[in-house]
Amino acid sequence: MMDYSYLLVPFVAWFVTGVSKFLINCIRAKRFAFDLIGYGGMPSNHSAIVSSTTCLIGLKEGIEHPAFAVAITLSFIVLLDASSLRMKIAQQSVLLNQLVKHTDFEQIKPLRERIGHTKFEILMGVVFGCLVATAIFYYYF
């Protein structure tokens, strides 16, 4: 029988984190914040997805299994990307939007400035992902 837990856990982590992020954005903005759905914000969906998979592999296969090493490596790449590269893109978006404001290019749509994640947002994504994986693992296995 096929084991769907490796598909289920990251999906549930993505869903739980996404709903949590939406609720946090609504509370912070004091309105329904549908316009804030997307990249950036707290907690990090990408961090939750990769950490849930990594945690599940560690729980099911053990941390000595080669798949766990691959998952850790993938997780580090995603986490570093969320904190460094995407934050640099966000900084560039801010500067480009300021430049466009001072030109005659009114037809240019402003770039999204909220792209990357703070270290705390990433940490909370990892916590969400590991909690989801652990809860599903102990509930179903």
Foldseek 3Di string as FASTA:
>chain_A
DDDCLLVVLLVVLLVVQQVVQQVVVCVVVVHRPPVPPDAATAAHSLLLNLLLNLLLCCVPVNCVDVVNVVSVVVNVVSLCCQAPVFLVVLVVLVVVQVVCVPDPPPVDDRDDNRHHYHPVNSVRSNVSNNVSNVVCVVVPD
